[in-house]
Amino acid sequence: MTSRDFIDNALISWDLAEQEARTKFLDYLYDFFGCTDGLYTGLWTLYKESLALSFRDQILEQNIELKEYK
């Protein structure tokens, strides 16, 4: 497979709506976390940590029983 074939295949399977949704969400996270350096590095990690802490608090406050999923 040539690099041109690889690029053509990647573009064929490109989901524009999904990529736009990801971009909008990362822009939202950039604003939410008050970033000003022009870098998006680490935003997903910040989001996951923030989400985990929020759910932890809800679970403890509401005495929610978790189920294990594999």
PDB file of N, CA and C in Angstrom:
ATOM      1  N   MET A   1       0.849  -1.170   0.000  1.00  0.00           N
ATOM      2  CA  MET A   1       0.000   0.000   0.000  1.00  0.00           C
ATOM      3  C   MET A   1       0.902   1.244   0.000  1.00  0.00           C
ATOM      4  N   THR A   2       0.629   2.124  -0.906  1.00  0.00           N
ATOM      5  CA  THR A   2       1.412   3.354  -0.972  1.00  0.00           C
ATOM      6  C   THR A   2       0.846   4.372   0.003  1.00  0.00           C
ATOM      7  N   SER A   3       1.607   5.416   0.244  1.00  0.00           N
ATOM      8  CA  SER A   3       1.115   6.468   1.141  1.00  0.00           C
ATOM      9  C   SER A   3      -0.116   7.141   0.541  1.00  0.00           C
ATOM     10  N   ARG A   4      -0.167   7.225  -0.774  1.00  0.00           N
ATOM     11  CA  ARG A   4      -1.335   7.824  -1.437  1.00  0.00           C
ATOM     12  C   ARG A   4      -2.575   6.962  -1.211  1.00  0.00           C
ATOM     13  N   ASP A   5      -2.424   5.640  -1.296  1.00  0.00           N
ATOM     14  CA  ASP A   5      -3.538   4.721  -1.023  1.00  0.00           C
ATOM     15  C   ASP A   5      -4.021   4.881   0.417  1.00  0.00           C
ATOM     16  N   PHE A   6      -3.079   5.009   1.324  1.00  0.00           N
ATOM     17  CA  PHE A   6      -3.416   5.177   2.730  1.00  0.00           C
ATOM     18  C   PHE A   6      -4.239   6.450   2.925  1.00  0.00           C
ATOM     19  N   ILE A   7      -3.797   7.530   2.327  1.00  0.00           N
ATOM     20  CA  ILE A   7      -4.510   8.807   2.449  1.00  0.00           C
ATOM     21  C   ILE A   7      -5.896   8.708   1.835  1.00  0.00           C
ATOM     22  N   ASP A   8      -5.991   8.110   0.646  1.00  0.00           N
ATOM     23  CA  ASP A   8      -7.292   7.954  -0.012  1.00  0.00           C
ATOM     24  C   ASP A   8      -8.247   7.129   0.845  1.00  0.00           C
ATOM     25  N   ASN A   9      -7.761   6.033   1.431  1.00  0.00           N
ATOM     26  CA  ASN A   9      -8.604   5.202   2.286  1.00  0.00           C
ATOM     27  C   ASN A   9      -9.025   5.935   3.547  1.00  0.00           C
ATOM     28  N   ALA A  10      -8.137   6.717   4.113  1.00  0.00           N
ATOM     29  CA  ALA A  10      -8.471   7.480   5.314  1.00  0.00           C
ATOM     30  C   ALA A  10      -9.554   8.504   5.014  1.00  0.00           C
ATOM     31  N   LEU A  11      -9.467   9.148   3.878  1.00  0.00           N
ATOM     32  CA  LEU A  11     -10.459  10.156   3.519  1.00  0.00           C
ATOM     33  C   LEU A  11     -11.810   9.538   3.195  1.00  0.00           C
ATOM     34  N   ILE A  12     -11.807   8.344   2.630  1.00  0.00           N
ATOM     35  CA  ILE A  12     -13.071   7.671   2.316  1.00  0.00           C
ATOM     36  C   ILE A  12     -13.838   7.366   3.596  1.00  0.00           C
ATOM     37  N   SER A  13     -13.138   6.946   4.645  1.00  0.00           N
ATOM     38  CA  SER A  13     -13.801   6.574   5.893  1.00  0.00           C
ATOM     39  C   SER A  13     -13.929   7.748   6.867  1.00  0.00           C
ATOM     40  N   TRP A  14     -13.548   8.930   6.452  1.00  0.00           N
ATOM     41  CA  TRP A  14     -13.589  10.109   7.310  1.00  0.00           C
ATOM     42  C   TRP A  14     -15.034  10.488   7.596  1.00  0.00           C
ATOM     43  N   ASP A  15     -15.381  10.594   8.854  1.00  0.00           N
ATOM     44  CA  ASP A  15     -16.731  10.991   9.267  1.00  0.00           C
ATOM     45  C   ASP A  15     -16.680  12.464   9.660  1.00  0.00           C
ATOM     46  N   LEU A  16     -17.075  13.314   8.743  1.00  0.00           N
ATOM     47  CA  LEU A  16     -16.969  14.751   8.948  1.00  0.00           C
ATOM     48  C   LEU A  16     -17.791  15.223  10.146  1.00  0.00           C
ATOM     49  N   ALA A  17     -19.005  14.712  10.292  1.00  0.00           N
ATOM     50  CA  ALA A  17     -19.855  15.127  11.418  1.00  0.00           C
ATOM     51  C   ALA A  17     -19.206  14.760  12.754  1.00  0.00           C
ATOM     52  N   GLU A  18     -18.617  13.567  12.823  1.00  0.00           N
ATOM     53  CA  GLU A  18     -17.945  13.133  14.056  1.00  0.00           C
ATOM     54  C   GLU A  18     -16.740  14.014  14.363  1.00  0.00           C
ATOM     55  N   GLN A  19     -15.953  14.327  13.356  1.00  0.00           N
ATOM     56  CA  GLN A  19     -14.780  15.174  13.555  1.00  0.00           C
ATOM     57  C   GLN A  19     -15.179  16.587  13.977  1.00  0.00           C
ATOM     58  N   GLU A  20     -16.263  17.110  13.413  1.00  0.00           N
ATOM     59  CA  GLU A  20     -16.749  18.434  13.811  1.00  0.00           C
ATOM     60  C   GLU A  20     -17.227  18.424  15.256  1.00  0.00           C
ATOM     61  N   ALA A  21     -17.918  17.361  15.654  1.00  0.00           N
ATOM     62  CA  ALA A  21     -18.386  17.239  17.040  1.00  0.00           C
ATOM     63  C   ALA A  21     -17.204  17.184  17.999  1.00  0.00           C
ATOM     64  N   ARG A  22     -16.161  16.436  17.653  1.00  0.00           N
ATOM     65  CA  ARG A  22     -14.968  16.348  18.502  1.00  0.00           C
ATOM     66  C   ARG A  22     -14.291  17.713  18.628  1.00  0.00           C
ATOM     67  N   THR A  23     -14.187  18.409  17.510  1.00  0.00           N
ATOM     68  CA  THR A  23     -13.548  19.728  17.515  1.00  0.00           C
ATOM     69  C   THR A  23     -14.328  20.706  18.377  1.00  0.00           C
ATOM     70  N   LYS A  24     -15.642  20.717  18.236  1.00  0.00           N
ATOM     71  CA  LYS A  24     -16.471  21.625  19.046  1.00  0.00           C
ATOM     72  C   LYS A  24     -16.333  21.312  20.532  1.00  0.00           C
ATOM     73  N   PHE A  25     -16.295  20.018  20.865  1.00  0.00           N
ATOM     74  CA  PHE A  25     -16.179  19.643  22.271  1.00  0.00           C
ATOM     75  C   PHE A  25     -14.822  20.034  22.835  1.00  0.00           C
ATOM     76  N   LEU A  26     -13.760  19.834  22.071  1.00  0.00           N
ATOM     77  CA  LEU A  26     -12.433  20.250  22.539  1.00  0.00           C
ATOM     78  C   LEU A  26     -12.364  21.767  22.696  1.00  0.00           C
ATOM     79  N   ASP A  27     -13.002  22.511  21.801  1.00  0.00           N
ATOM     80  CA  ASP A  27     -13.063  23.969  21.952  1.00  0.00           C
ATOM     81  C   ASP A  27     -13.811  24.348  23.222  1.00  0.00           C
ATOM     82  N   TYR A  28     -14.903  23.627  23.512  1.00  0.00           N
ATOM     83  CA  TYR A  28     -15.650  23.859  24.748  1.00  0.00           C
ATOM     84  C   TYR A  28     -14.758  23.604  25.965  1.00  0.00           C
ATOM     85  N   LEU A  29     -14.038  22.475  25.961  1.00  0.00           N
ATOM     86  CA  LEU A  29     -13.148  22.147  27.079  1.00  0.00           C
ATOM     87  C   LEU A  29     -12.058  23.199  27.231  1.00  0.00           C
ATOM     88  N   TYR A  30     -11.529  23.680  26.120  1.00  0.00           N
ATOM     89  CA  TYR A  30     -10.487  24.706  26.142  1.00  0.00           C
ATOM     90  C   TYR A  30     -10.991  25.935  26.891  1.00  0.00           C
ATOM     91  N   ASP A  31     -12.204  26.360  26.567  1.00  0.00           N
ATOM     92  CA  ASP A  31     -12.800  27.525  27.240  1.00  0.00           C
ATOM     93  C   ASP A  31     -13.148  27.208  28.691  1.00  0.00           C
ATOM     94  N   PHE A  32     -13.736  26.027  28.921  1.00  0.00           N
ATOM     95  CA  PHE A  32     -14.175  25.649  30.261  1.00  0.00           C
ATOM     96  C   PHE A  32     -13.018  25.623  31.253  1.00  0.00           C
ATOM     97  N   PHE A  33     -11.887  25.068  30.849  1.00  0.00           N
ATOM     98  CA  PHE A  33     -10.743  24.957  31.744  1.00  0.00           C
ATOM     99  C   PHE A  33      -9.873  26.217  31.732  1.00  0.00           C
ATOM    100  N   GLY A  34     -10.292  27.245  31.001  1.00  0.00           N
ATOM    101  CA  GLY A  34      -9.600  28.535  31.028  1.00  0.00           C
ATOM    102  C   GLY A  34      -8.238  28.532  30.364  1.00  0.00           C
ATOM    103  N   CYS A  35      -8.065  27.698  29.367  1.00  0.00           N
ATOM    104  CA  CYS A  35      -6.778  27.653  28.665  1.00  0.00           C
ATOM    105  C   CYS A  35      -6.595  28.919  27.841  1.00  0.00           C
ATOM    106  N   THR A  36      -5.362  29.380  27.781  1.00  0.00           N
ATOM    107  CA  THR A  36      -5.062  30.582  26.998  1.00  0.00           C
ATOM    108  C   THR A  36      -3.769  30.445  26.211  1.00  0.00           C
ATOM    109  N   ASP A  37      -3.159  29.267  26.255  1.00  0.00           N
ATOM    110  CA  ASP A  37      -1.854  29.095  25.630  1.00  0.00           C
ATOM    111  C   ASP A  37      -1.912  28.606  24.186  1.00  0.00           C
ATOM    112  N   GLY A  38      -3.132  28.365  23.666  1.00  0.00           N
ATOM    113  CA  GLY A  38      -3.270  27.883  22.306  1.00  0.00           C
ATOM    114  C   GLY A  38      -3.023  26.404  22.143  1.00  0.00           C
ATOM    115  N   LEU A  39      -2.749  25.701  23.241  1.00  0.00           N
ATOM    116  CA  LEU A  39      -2.473  24.270  23.189  1.00  0.00           C
ATOM    117  C   LEU A  39      -3.658  23.484  23.743  1.00  0.00           C
ATOM    118  N   TYR A  40      -3.966  22.399  23.087  1.00  0.00           N
ATOM    119  CA  TYR A  40      -5.060  21.543  23.526  1.00  0.00           C
ATOM    120  C   TYR A  40      -4.543  20.311  24.260  1.00  0.00           C
ATOM    121  N   THR A  41      -3.248  20.235  24.449  1.00  0.00           N
ATOM    122  CA  THR A  41      -2.616  19.100  25.109  1.00  0.00           C
ATOM    123  C   THR A  41      -3.135  18.968  26.540  1.00  0.00           C
ATOM    124  N   GLY A  42      -3.584  17.762  26.888  1.00  0.00           N
ATOM    125  CA  GLY A  42      -4.020  17.480  28.246  1.00  0.00           C
ATOM    126  C   GLY A  42      -5.480  17.774  28.539  1.00  0.00           C
ATOM    127  N   LEU A  43      -6.211  18.364  27.593  1.00  0.00           N
ATOM    128  CA  LEU A  43      -7.614  18.692  27.857  1.00  0.00           C
ATOM    129  C   LEU A  43      -8.451  17.450  28.115  1.00  0.00           C
ATOM    130  N   TRP A  44      -8.226  16.396  27.331  1.00  0.00           N
ATOM    131  CA  TRP A  44      -9.018  15.182  27.518  1.00  0.00           C
ATOM    132  C   TRP A  44      -8.745  14.573  28.885  1.00  0.00           C
ATOM    133  N   THR A  45      -7.501  14.610  29.326  1.00  0.00           N
ATOM    134  CA  THR A  45      -7.153  14.085  30.646  1.00  0.00           C
ATOM    135  C   THR A  45      -7.818  14.914  31.741  1.00  0.00           C
ATOM    136  N   LEU A  46      -7.782  16.234  31.610  1.00  0.00           N
ATOM    137  CA  LEU A  46      -8.464  17.093  32.580  1.00  0.00           C
ATOM    138  C   LEU A  46      -9.956  16.792  32.635  1.00  0.00           C
ATOM    139  N   TYR A  47     -10.538  16.617  31.471  1.00  0.00           N
ATOM    140  CA  TYR A  47     -11.965  16.306  31.392  1.00  0.00           C
ATOM    141  C   TYR A  47     -12.275  14.991  32.103  1.00  0.00           C
ATOM    142  N   LYS A  48     -11.493  13.936  31.831  1.00  0.00           N
ATOM    143  CA  LYS A  48     -11.741  12.637  32.449  1.00  0.00           C
ATOM    144  C   LYS A  48     -11.597  12.717  33.966  1.00  0.00           C
ATOM    145  N   GLU A  49     -10.580  13.422  34.435  1.00  0.00           N
ATOM    146  CA  GLU A  49     -10.373  13.536  35.881  1.00  0.00           C
ATOM    147  C   GLU A  49     -11.513  14.309  36.530  1.00  0.00           C
ATOM    148  N   SER A  50     -11.940  15.381  35.892  1.00  0.00           N
ATOM    149  CA  SER A  50     -13.035  16.189  36.407  1.00  0.00           C
ATOM    150  C   SER A  50     -14.333  15.389  36.438  1.00  0.00           C
ATOM    151  N   LEU A  51     -14.577  14.648  35.385  1.00  0.00           N
ATOM    152  CA  LEU A  51     -15.776  13.826  35.294  1.00  0.00           C
ATOM    153  C   LEU A  51     -15.767  12.733  36.352  1.00  0.00           C
ATOM    154  N   ALA A  52     -14.620  12.100  36.537  1.00  0.00           N
ATOM    155  CA  ALA A  52     -14.509  11.038  37.538  1.00  0.00           C
ATOM    156  C   ALA A  52     -14.781  11.574  38.944  1.00  0.00           C
ATOM    157  N   LEU A  53     -14.234  12.737  39.258  1.00  0.00           N
ATOM    158  CA  LEU A  53     -14.467  13.324  40.578  1.00  0.00           C
ATOM    159  C   LEU A  53     -15.937  13.682  40.776  1.00  0.00           C
ATOM    160  N   SER A  54     -16.550  14.202  39.736  1.00  0.00           N
ATOM    161  CA  SER A  54     -17.962  14.561  39.806  1.00  0.00           C
ATOM    162  C   SER A  54     -18.832  13.327  40.045  1.00  0.00           C
ATOM    163  N   PHE A  55     -18.568  12.261  39.290  1.00  0.00           N
ATOM    164  CA  PHE A  55     -19.334  11.036  39.479  1.00  0.00           C
ATOM    165  C   PHE A  55     -19.068  10.407  40.834  1.00  0.00           C
ATOM    166  N   ARG A  56     -17.834  10.471  41.289  1.00  0.00           N
ATOM    167  CA  ARG A  56     -17.521   9.943  42.610  1.00  0.00           C
ATOM    168  C   ARG A  56     -18.371  10.636  43.668  1.00  0.00           C
ATOM    169  N   ASP A  57     -18.443  11.956  43.585  1.00  0.00           N
ATOM    170  CA  ASP A  57     -19.229  12.718  44.556  1.00  0.00           C
ATOM    171  C   ASP A  57     -20.706  12.361  44.475  1.00  0.00           C
ATOM    172  N   GLN A  58     -21.233  12.211  43.264  1.00  0.00           N
ATOM    173  CA  GLN A  58     -22.640  11.836  43.101  1.00  0.00           C
ATOM    174  C   GLN A  58     -22.905  10.442  43.664  1.00  0.00           C
ATOM    175  N   ILE A  59     -21.995   9.529  43.405  1.00  0.00           N
ATOM    176  CA  ILE A  59     -22.160   8.156  43.895  1.00  0.00           C
ATOM    177  C   ILE A  59     -22.198   8.135  45.418  1.00  0.00           C
ATOM    178  N   LEU A  60     -21.297   8.879  46.045  1.00  0.00           N
ATOM    179  CA  LEU A  60     -21.247   8.902  47.503  1.00  0.00           C
ATOM    180  C   LEU A  60     -22.439   9.633  48.101  1.00  0.00           C
ATOM    181  N   GLU A  61     -22.835  10.754  47.504  1.00  0.00           N
ATOM    182  CA  GLU A  61     -23.952  11.547  48.025  1.00  0.00           C
ATOM    183  C   GLU A  61     -25.290  10.823  47.873  1.00  0.00           C
ATOM    184  N   GLN A  62     -25.458  10.129  46.764  1.00  0.00           N
ATOM    185  CA  GLN A  62     -26.743   9.494  46.474  1.00  0.00           C
ATOM    186  C   GLN A  62     -26.743   7.997  46.798  1.00  0.00           C
ATOM    187  N   ASN A  63     -25.640   7.509  47.340  1.00  0.00           N
ATOM    188  CA  ASN A  63     -25.507   6.099  47.718  1.00  0.00           C
ATOM    189  C   ASN A  63     -25.876   5.178  46.540  1.00  0.00           C
ATOM    190  N   ILE A  64     -25.292   5.459  45.411  1.00  0.00           N
ATOM    191  CA  ILE A  64     -25.557   4.688  44.197  1.00  0.00           C
ATOM    192  C   ILE A  64     -24.697   3.427  44.204  1.00  0.00           C
ATOM    193  N   GLU A  65     -25.300   2.317  43.862  1.00  0.00           N
ATOM    194  CA  GLU A  65     -24.559   1.052  43.792  1.00  0.00           C
ATOM    195  C   GLU A  65     -24.063   0.861  42.358  1.00  0.00           C
ATOM    196  N   LEU A  66     -22.785   0.651  42.220  1.00  0.00           N
ATOM    197  CA  LEU A  66     -22.204   0.439  40.900  1.00  0.00           C
ATOM    198  C   LEU A  66     -22.253  -1.027  40.525  1.00  0.00           C
ATOM    199  N   LYS A  67     -22.376  -1.252  39.224  1.00  0.00           N
ATOM    200  CA  LYS A  67     -22.307  -2.604  38.690  1.00  0.00           C
ATOM    201  C   LYS A  67     -21.029  -2.719  37.895  1.00  0.00           C
ATOM    202  N   GLU A  68     -20.433  -3.878  37.928  1.00  0.00           N
ATOM    203  CA  GLU A  68     -19.190  -4.099  37.192  1.00  0.00           C
ATOM    204  C   GLU A  68     -19.526  -4.527  35.775  1.00  0.00           C
ATOM    205  N   TYR A  69     -18.930  -3.826  34.827  1.00  0.00           N
ATOM    206  CA  TYR A  69     -19.112  -4.169  33.421  1.00  0.00           C
ATOM    207  C   TYR A  69     -17.769  -4.581  32.850  1.00  0.00           C
ATOM    208  N   LYS A  70     -17.771  -5.633  32.065  1.00  0.00           N
ATOM    209  CA  LYS A  70     -16.530  -6.104  31.430  1.00  0.00           C
ATOM    210  C   LYS A  70     -16.723  -6.181  29.954  1.00  0.00           C
TER     211      LYS A  70
END
